[in-house]
Amino acid sequence: MTTAAALLRETRAGARRTQADLERLSGVRQAAISRAERGRQDLTVAALDRLVHAAGWRISVLPTQAGTAADAADLCRHHLAAGSEDGAYRTVIQLADWLASEHGAERVALTVTPPAPTGDRRYDAFIAGVVEHRLVEESLPHPKWLPTSATLTERWFVDIFSTHDPAVLASTPPALLDRGVVIDAAELESV
């Protein structure tokens, strides 16, 4: 999949727009938008900018190699669709590493684009919890999407072997626990 395809899909999903919405707003045929999102049609920067602008967003570059929360959600969605919950888990841990590798405005910038739903509310809550946890670490502002992000009604112990382990419950960062996600804080640190 191309970077342009991922950017277009993340933008459309984050803006809560359908391909038909983008067709109406941009004048680009829905079939062409679909092909572009699947990486079957290359987009020029101008064409990508036109579609992103139609969604009410803009293209921006960041001074980092780290991925964004939206990138992580997109990767999780692919892993979950392929039946790889392990891949989805590793992606969220990678997000924790990406965010930890940046500081200040760069860390915030990696979280501004709303992540599209992964198809599994547990992972939506996991991503939101990791984002909030990393922002709270440096007392950074939160993106607009975070307060309305997924929260689980029942606790999810990410590691099935730690289910109801009081030590894991005690070490779970508050941002994750508030969303119903239980994971040992040590799992979020790079080795």
C-alpha atoms as a PDB file:
ATOM      1  CA  MET A   1       0.000   0.000   0.000  1.00  0.00           C
ATOM      2  CA  THR A   2       1.266   3.460  -0.866  1.00  0.00           C
ATOM      3  CA  THR A   3       1.707   6.329   1.536  1.00  0.00           C
ATOM      4  CA  ALA A   4      -0.819   8.349  -0.474  1.00  0.00           C
ATOM      5  CA  ALA A   5      -3.378   5.544  -0.187  1.00  0.00           C
ATOM      6  CA  ALA A   6      -2.907   5.343   3.575  1.00  0.00           C
ATOM      7  CA  LEU A   7      -3.080   9.137   3.984  1.00  0.00           C
ATOM      8  CA  LEU A   8      -6.266   9.360   1.947  1.00  0.00           C
ATOM      9  CA  ARG A   9      -7.948   6.504   3.816  1.00  0.00           C
ATOM     10  CA  GLU A  10      -6.866   7.858   7.236  1.00  0.00           C
ATOM     11  CA  THR A  11      -8.080  11.343   6.317  1.00  0.00           C
ATOM     12  CA  ARG A  12     -11.454  10.180   5.057  1.00  0.00           C
ATOM     13  CA  ALA A  13     -12.028   7.866   8.017  1.00  0.00           C
ATOM     14  CA  GLY A  14     -10.790  10.414  10.553  1.00  0.00           C
ATOM     15  CA  ALA A  15     -13.034  13.102   9.054  1.00  0.00           C
ATOM     16  CA  ARG A  16     -15.926  10.607   9.176  1.00  0.00           C
ATOM     17  CA  ARG A  17     -16.546  11.045   5.454  1.00  0.00           C
ATOM     18  CA  THR A  18     -17.636   8.439   2.942  1.00  0.00           C
ATOM     19  CA  GLN A  19     -16.135   8.063  -0.495  1.00  0.00           C
ATOM     20  CA  ALA A  20     -19.422   9.442  -1.856  1.00  0.00           C
ATOM     21  CA  ASP A  21     -18.970  12.524   0.364  1.00  0.00           C
ATOM     22  CA  LEU A  22     -15.504  13.077  -1.077  1.00  0.00           C
ATOM     23  CA  GLU A  23     -16.834  12.646  -4.613  1.00  0.00           C
ATOM     24  CA  ARG A  24     -19.462  15.323  -3.984  1.00  0.00           C
ATOM     25  CA  LEU A  25     -17.018  17.705  -2.287  1.00  0.00           C
ATOM     26  CA  SER A  26     -14.025  17.233  -4.598  1.00  0.00           C
ATOM     27  CA  GLY A  27     -15.528  16.369  -7.966  1.00  0.00           C
ATOM     28  CA  VAL A  28     -13.344  13.239  -8.129  1.00  0.00           C
ATOM     29  CA  ARG A  29     -15.298  10.110  -9.033  1.00  0.00           C
ATOM     30  CA  GLN A  30     -15.939   7.662  -6.177  1.00  0.00           C
ATOM     31  CA  ALA A  31     -14.458   4.798  -8.195  1.00  0.00           C
ATOM     32  CA  ALA A  32     -11.178   6.724  -8.534  1.00  0.00           C
ATOM     33  CA  ILE A  33     -11.173   7.465  -4.793  1.00  0.00           C
ATOM     34  CA  SER A  34     -11.710   3.776  -4.060  1.00  0.00           C
ATOM     35  CA  ARG A  35      -8.856   2.741  -6.378  1.00  0.00           C
ATOM     36  CA  ALA A  36      -6.575   5.354  -4.794  1.00  0.00           C
ATOM     37  CA  GLU A  37      -7.387   4.168  -1.249  1.00  0.00           C
ATOM     38  CA  ARG A  38      -6.578   0.595  -2.221  1.00  0.00           C
ATOM     39  CA  GLY A  39      -3.276   1.661  -3.783  1.00  0.00           C
ATOM     40  CA  ARG A  40      -4.483   0.658  -7.249  1.00  0.00           C
ATOM     41  CA  GLN A  41      -4.213   4.186  -8.641  1.00  0.00           C
ATOM     42  CA  ASP A  42      -1.303   6.505  -7.979  1.00  0.00           C
ATOM     43  CA  LEU A  43      -2.117   9.995  -6.793  1.00  0.00           C
ATOM     44  CA  THR A  44      -0.162  13.127  -7.523  1.00  0.00           C
ATOM     45  CA  VAL A  45       0.490  15.402  -4.568  1.00  0.00           C
ATOM     46  CA  ALA A  46      -1.985  17.863  -6.088  1.00  0.00           C
ATOM     47  CA  ALA A  47      -4.707  15.192  -6.366  1.00  0.00           C
ATOM     48  CA  LEU A  48      -4.084  13.998  -2.809  1.00  0.00           C
ATOM     49  CA  ASP A  49      -4.181  17.597  -1.558  1.00  0.00           C
ATOM     50  CA  ARG A  50      -7.490  18.189  -3.378  1.00  0.00           C
ATOM     51  CA  LEU A  51      -9.094  15.133  -1.750  1.00  0.00           C
ATOM     52  CA  VAL A  52      -7.681  15.861   1.701  1.00  0.00           C
ATOM     53  CA  HIS A  53      -8.827  19.490   1.439  1.00  0.00           C
ATOM     54  CA  ALA A  54     -12.321  18.311   0.412  1.00  0.00           C
ATOM     55  CA  ALA A  55     -12.465  16.349   3.678  1.00  0.00           C
ATOM     56  CA  GLY A  56     -11.725  19.584   5.549  1.00  0.00           C
ATOM     57  CA  TRP A  57      -8.132  18.698   6.356  1.00  0.00           C
ATOM     58  CA  ARG A  58      -4.682  19.557   5.067  1.00  0.00           C
ATOM     59  CA  ILE A  59      -1.488  17.700   4.312  1.00  0.00           C
ATOM     60  CA  SER A  60       1.406  18.342   6.662  1.00  0.00           C
ATOM     61  CA  VAL A  61       4.814  16.796   7.183  1.00  0.00           C
ATOM     62  CA  LEU A  62       6.423  16.157  10.540  1.00  0.00           C
ATOM     63  CA  PRO A  63      10.101  16.219  11.487  1.00  0.00           C
ATOM     64  CA  THR A  64      10.087  12.585  12.633  1.00  0.00           C
ATOM     65  CA  GLN A  65      10.169   9.036  11.337  1.00  0.00           C
ATOM     66  CA  ALA A  66       7.717   7.885  14.030  1.00  0.00           C
ATOM     67  CA  GLY A  67       4.246   6.739  13.033  1.00  0.00           C
ATOM     68  CA  THR A  68       1.039   8.395  14.153  1.00  0.00           C
ATOM     69  CA  ALA A  69      -1.905   7.136  16.187  1.00  0.00           C
ATOM     70  CA  ALA A  70      -3.877   7.081  12.921  1.00  0.00           C
ATOM     71  CA  ASP A  71      -1.156   4.935  11.308  1.00  0.00           C
ATOM     72  CA  ALA A  72      -1.334   2.503  14.221  1.00  0.00           C
ATOM     73  CA  ALA A  73      -5.124   2.240  13.987  1.00  0.00           C
ATOM     74  CA  ASP A  74      -4.887   1.551  10.260  1.00  0.00           C
ATOM     75  CA  LEU A  75      -2.282  -1.178  10.820  1.00  0.00           C
ATOM     76  CA  CYS A  76      -4.362  -2.690  13.643  1.00  0.00           C
ATOM     77  CA  ARG A  77      -7.403  -2.791  11.381  1.00  0.00           C
ATOM     78  CA  HIS A  78      -5.417  -4.725   8.776  1.00  0.00           C
ATOM     79  CA  HIS A  79      -4.020  -7.162  11.364  1.00  0.00           C
ATOM     80  CA  LEU A  80      -7.428  -7.772  12.908  1.00  0.00           C
ATOM     81  CA  ALA A  81      -9.050  -8.272   9.498  1.00  0.00           C
ATOM     82  CA  ALA A  82      -6.366 -10.887   8.784  1.00  0.00           C
ATOM     83  CA  GLY A  83      -7.066 -12.607  12.117  1.00  0.00           C
ATOM     84  CA  SER A  84      -3.772 -11.528  13.693  1.00  0.00           C
ATOM     85  CA  GLU A  85      -4.567 -10.205  17.140  1.00  0.00           C
ATOM     86  CA  ASP A  86      -0.864 -10.591  17.967  1.00  0.00           C
ATOM     87  CA  GLY A  87      -0.018  -8.241  15.094  1.00  0.00           C
ATOM     88  CA  ALA A  88      -2.569  -5.718  16.361  1.00  0.00           C
ATOM     89  CA  TYR A  89      -1.110  -5.945  19.887  1.00  0.00           C
ATOM     90  CA  ARG A  90       2.444  -5.420  18.598  1.00  0.00           C
ATOM     91  CA  THR A  91       1.254  -2.408  16.608  1.00  0.00           C
ATOM     92  CA  VAL A  92      -0.164  -0.699  19.706  1.00  0.00           C
ATOM     93  CA  ILE A  93       3.067  -1.417  21.597  1.00  0.00           C
ATOM     94  CA  GLN A  94       4.932   0.104  18.628  1.00  0.00           C
ATOM     95  CA  LEU A  95       2.689   3.179  18.934  1.00  0.00           C
ATOM     96  CA  ALA A  96       3.735   3.487  22.577  1.00  0.00           C
ATOM     97  CA  ASP A  97       7.376   3.388  21.414  1.00  0.00           C
ATOM     98  CA  TRP A  98       6.786   5.908  18.610  1.00  0.00           C
ATOM     99  CA  LEU A  99       5.206   8.366  21.027  1.00  0.00           C
ATOM    100  CA  ALA A 100       7.901   7.815  23.663  1.00  0.00           C
ATOM    101  CA  SER A 101      10.576   8.590  21.058  1.00  0.00           C
ATOM    102  CA  GLU A 102       9.235  12.114  20.553  1.00  0.00           C
ATOM    103  CA  HIS A 103       8.733  14.977  22.962  1.00  0.00           C
ATOM    104  CA  GLY A 104       6.681  18.131  23.193  1.00  0.00           C
ATOM    105  CA  ALA A 105       4.935  19.387  20.073  1.00  0.00           C
ATOM    106  CA  GLU A 106       6.152  16.469  17.955  1.00  0.00           C
ATOM    107  CA  ARG A 107       4.545  13.971  20.332  1.00  0.00           C
ATOM    108  CA  VAL A 108       1.279  15.909  20.226  1.00  0.00           C
ATOM    109  CA  ALA A 109       1.443  16.141  16.422  1.00  0.00           C
ATOM    110  CA  LEU A 110       1.629  12.344  16.183  1.00  0.00           C
ATOM    111  CA  THR A 111      -1.746  12.146  17.930  1.00  0.00           C
ATOM    112  CA  VAL A 112      -3.760  14.943  16.308  1.00  0.00           C
ATOM    113  CA  THR A 113      -5.279  12.958  13.429  1.00  0.00           C
ATOM    114  CA  PRO A 114      -8.190  10.930  14.814  1.00  0.00           C
ATOM    115  CA  PRO A 115      -7.568   7.210  14.428  1.00  0.00           C
ATOM    116  CA  ALA A 116     -10.194   5.429  12.363  1.00  0.00           C
ATOM    117  CA  PRO A 117     -11.991   2.551  14.095  1.00  0.00           C
ATOM    118  CA  THR A 118      -9.994  -0.684  14.035  1.00  0.00           C
ATOM    119  CA  GLY A 119     -13.070  -2.891  13.958  1.00  0.00           C
ATOM    120  CA  ASP A 120     -12.491  -3.951  17.578  1.00  0.00           C
ATOM    121  CA  ARG A 121     -13.458  -1.551  20.386  1.00  0.00           C
ATOM    122  CA  ARG A 122     -10.824  -3.127  22.634  1.00  0.00           C
ATOM    123  CA  TYR A 123      -8.073  -1.950  20.313  1.00  0.00           C
ATOM    124  CA  ASP A 124      -9.728   1.446  19.812  1.00  0.00           C
ATOM    125  CA  ALA A 125      -9.673   1.884  23.612  1.00  0.00           C
ATOM    126  CA  PHE A 126      -6.102   0.516  23.804  1.00  0.00           C
ATOM    127  CA  ILE A 127      -4.872   3.059  21.223  1.00  0.00           C
ATOM    128  CA  ALA A 128      -6.685   5.939  22.939  1.00  0.00           C
ATOM    129  CA  GLY A 129      -5.298   4.894  26.318  1.00  0.00           C
ATOM    130  CA  VAL A 130      -1.728   4.698  25.018  1.00  0.00           C
ATOM    131  CA  VAL A 131      -2.091   8.133  23.394  1.00  0.00           C
ATOM    132  CA  GLU A 132      -3.413   9.700  26.592  1.00  0.00           C
ATOM    133  CA  HIS A 133      -0.788   7.928  28.712  1.00  0.00           C
ATOM    134  CA  ARG A 134       2.092   9.253  26.582  1.00  0.00           C
ATOM    135  CA  LEU A 135       0.657  12.786  26.522  1.00  0.00           C
ATOM    136  CA  VAL A 136       0.075  12.830  30.290  1.00  0.00           C
ATOM    137  CA  GLU A 137       3.714  11.763  30.830  1.00  0.00           C
ATOM    138  CA  GLU A 138       4.818  15.188  29.587  1.00  0.00           C
ATOM    139  CA  SER A 139       1.727  17.186  30.636  1.00  0.00           C
ATOM    140  CA  LEU A 140       0.910  17.796  26.970  1.00  0.00           C
ATOM    141  CA  PRO A 141      -2.428  18.905  25.503  1.00  0.00           C
ATOM    142  CA  HIS A 142      -4.832  16.272  24.243  1.00  0.00           C
ATOM    143  CA  PRO A 143      -6.272  16.141  20.717  1.00  0.00           C
ATOM    144  CA  LYS A 144      -9.983  16.909  20.219  1.00  0.00           C
ATOM    145  CA  TRP A 145     -10.904  13.289  19.474  1.00  0.00           C
ATOM    146  CA  LEU A 146      -9.513  11.845  22.710  1.00  0.00           C
ATOM    147  CA  PRO A 147     -12.324  12.707  25.187  1.00  0.00           C
ATOM    148  CA  THR A 148     -14.909  10.938  23.023  1.00  0.00           C
ATOM    149  CA  SER A 149     -12.747   7.938  22.172  1.00  0.00           C
ATOM    150  CA  ALA A 150     -13.641   4.343  22.943  1.00  0.00           C
ATOM    151  CA  THR A 151     -14.087   3.158  26.518  1.00  0.00           C
ATOM    152  CA  LEU A 152     -14.888  -0.433  27.422  1.00  0.00           C
ATOM    153  CA  THR A 153     -17.759  -1.264  29.760  1.00  0.00           C
ATOM    154  CA  GLU A 154     -15.963  -4.359  31.073  1.00  0.00           C
ATOM    155  CA  ARG A 155     -12.271  -4.590  31.863  1.00  0.00           C
ATOM    156  CA  TRP A 156     -10.121  -6.185  29.202  1.00  0.00           C
ATOM    157  CA  PHE A 157      -6.956  -7.856  30.442  1.00  0.00           C
ATOM    158  CA  VAL A 158      -4.743  -7.585  27.357  1.00  0.00           C
ATOM    159  CA  ASP A 159      -2.594 -10.485  28.566  1.00  0.00           C
ATOM    160  CA  ILE A 160      -4.952 -13.395  29.240  1.00  0.00           C
ATOM    161  CA  PHE A 161      -2.413 -14.865  31.657  1.00  0.00           C
ATOM    162  CA  SER A 162      -2.733 -11.829  33.919  1.00  0.00           C
ATOM    163  CA  THR A 163      -6.520 -11.836  34.169  1.00  0.00           C
ATOM    164  CA  HIS A 164      -7.529 -10.457  37.553  1.00  0.00           C
ATOM    165  CA  ASP A 165      -3.876 -10.234  38.714  1.00  0.00           C
ATOM    166  CA  PRO A 166      -3.900  -7.422  41.313  1.00  0.00           C
ATOM    167  CA  ALA A 167      -0.261  -6.523  40.549  1.00  0.00           C
ATOM    168  CA  VAL A 168      -1.045  -5.952  36.860  1.00  0.00           C
ATOM    169  CA  LEU A 169      -4.163  -4.010  37.762  1.00  0.00           C
ATOM    170  CA  ALA A 170      -2.108  -1.804  40.106  1.00  0.00           C
ATOM    171  CA  SER A 171       0.585  -1.138  37.493  1.00  0.00           C
ATOM    172  CA  THR A 172      -1.817  -0.253  34.663  1.00  0.00           C
ATOM    173  CA  PRO A 173      -1.477   3.436  33.739  1.00  0.00           C
ATOM    174  CA  PRO A 174      -4.616   5.394  34.732  1.00  0.00           C
ATOM    175  CA  ALA A 175      -5.299   6.503  31.137  1.00  0.00           C
ATOM    176  CA  LEU A 176      -5.669   2.867  30.102  1.00  0.00           C
ATOM    177  CA  LEU A 177      -7.492   1.715  33.218  1.00  0.00           C
ATOM    178  CA  ASP A 178     -10.036   4.538  32.785  1.00  0.00           C
ATOM    179  CA  ARG A 179     -10.827   3.066  29.368  1.00  0.00           C
ATOM    180  CA  GLY A 180     -11.175  -0.476  30.712  1.00  0.00           C
ATOM    181  CA  VAL A 181      -7.835  -1.678  29.335  1.00  0.00           C
ATOM    182  CA  VAL A 182      -5.618  -3.545  31.806  1.00  0.00           C
ATOM    183  CA  ILE A 183      -1.955  -4.026  30.919  1.00  0.00           C
ATOM    184  CA  ASP A 184       1.244  -4.038  32.939  1.00  0.00           C
ATOM    185  CA  ALA A 185       2.933  -0.648  32.443  1.00  0.00           C
ATOM    186  CA  ALA A 186       6.211  -2.474  31.761  1.00  0.00           C
ATOM    187  CA  GLU A 187       4.679  -3.823  28.518  1.00  0.00           C
ATOM    188  CA  LEU A 188       4.561  -0.255  27.196  1.00  0.00           C
ATOM    189  CA  GLU A 189       8.293   0.302  27.621  1.00  0.00           C
ATOM    190  CA  SER A 190      10.881  -0.596  24.992  1.00  0.00           C
ATOM    191  CA  VAL A 191      13.508  -3.135  25.890  1.00  0.00           C
END
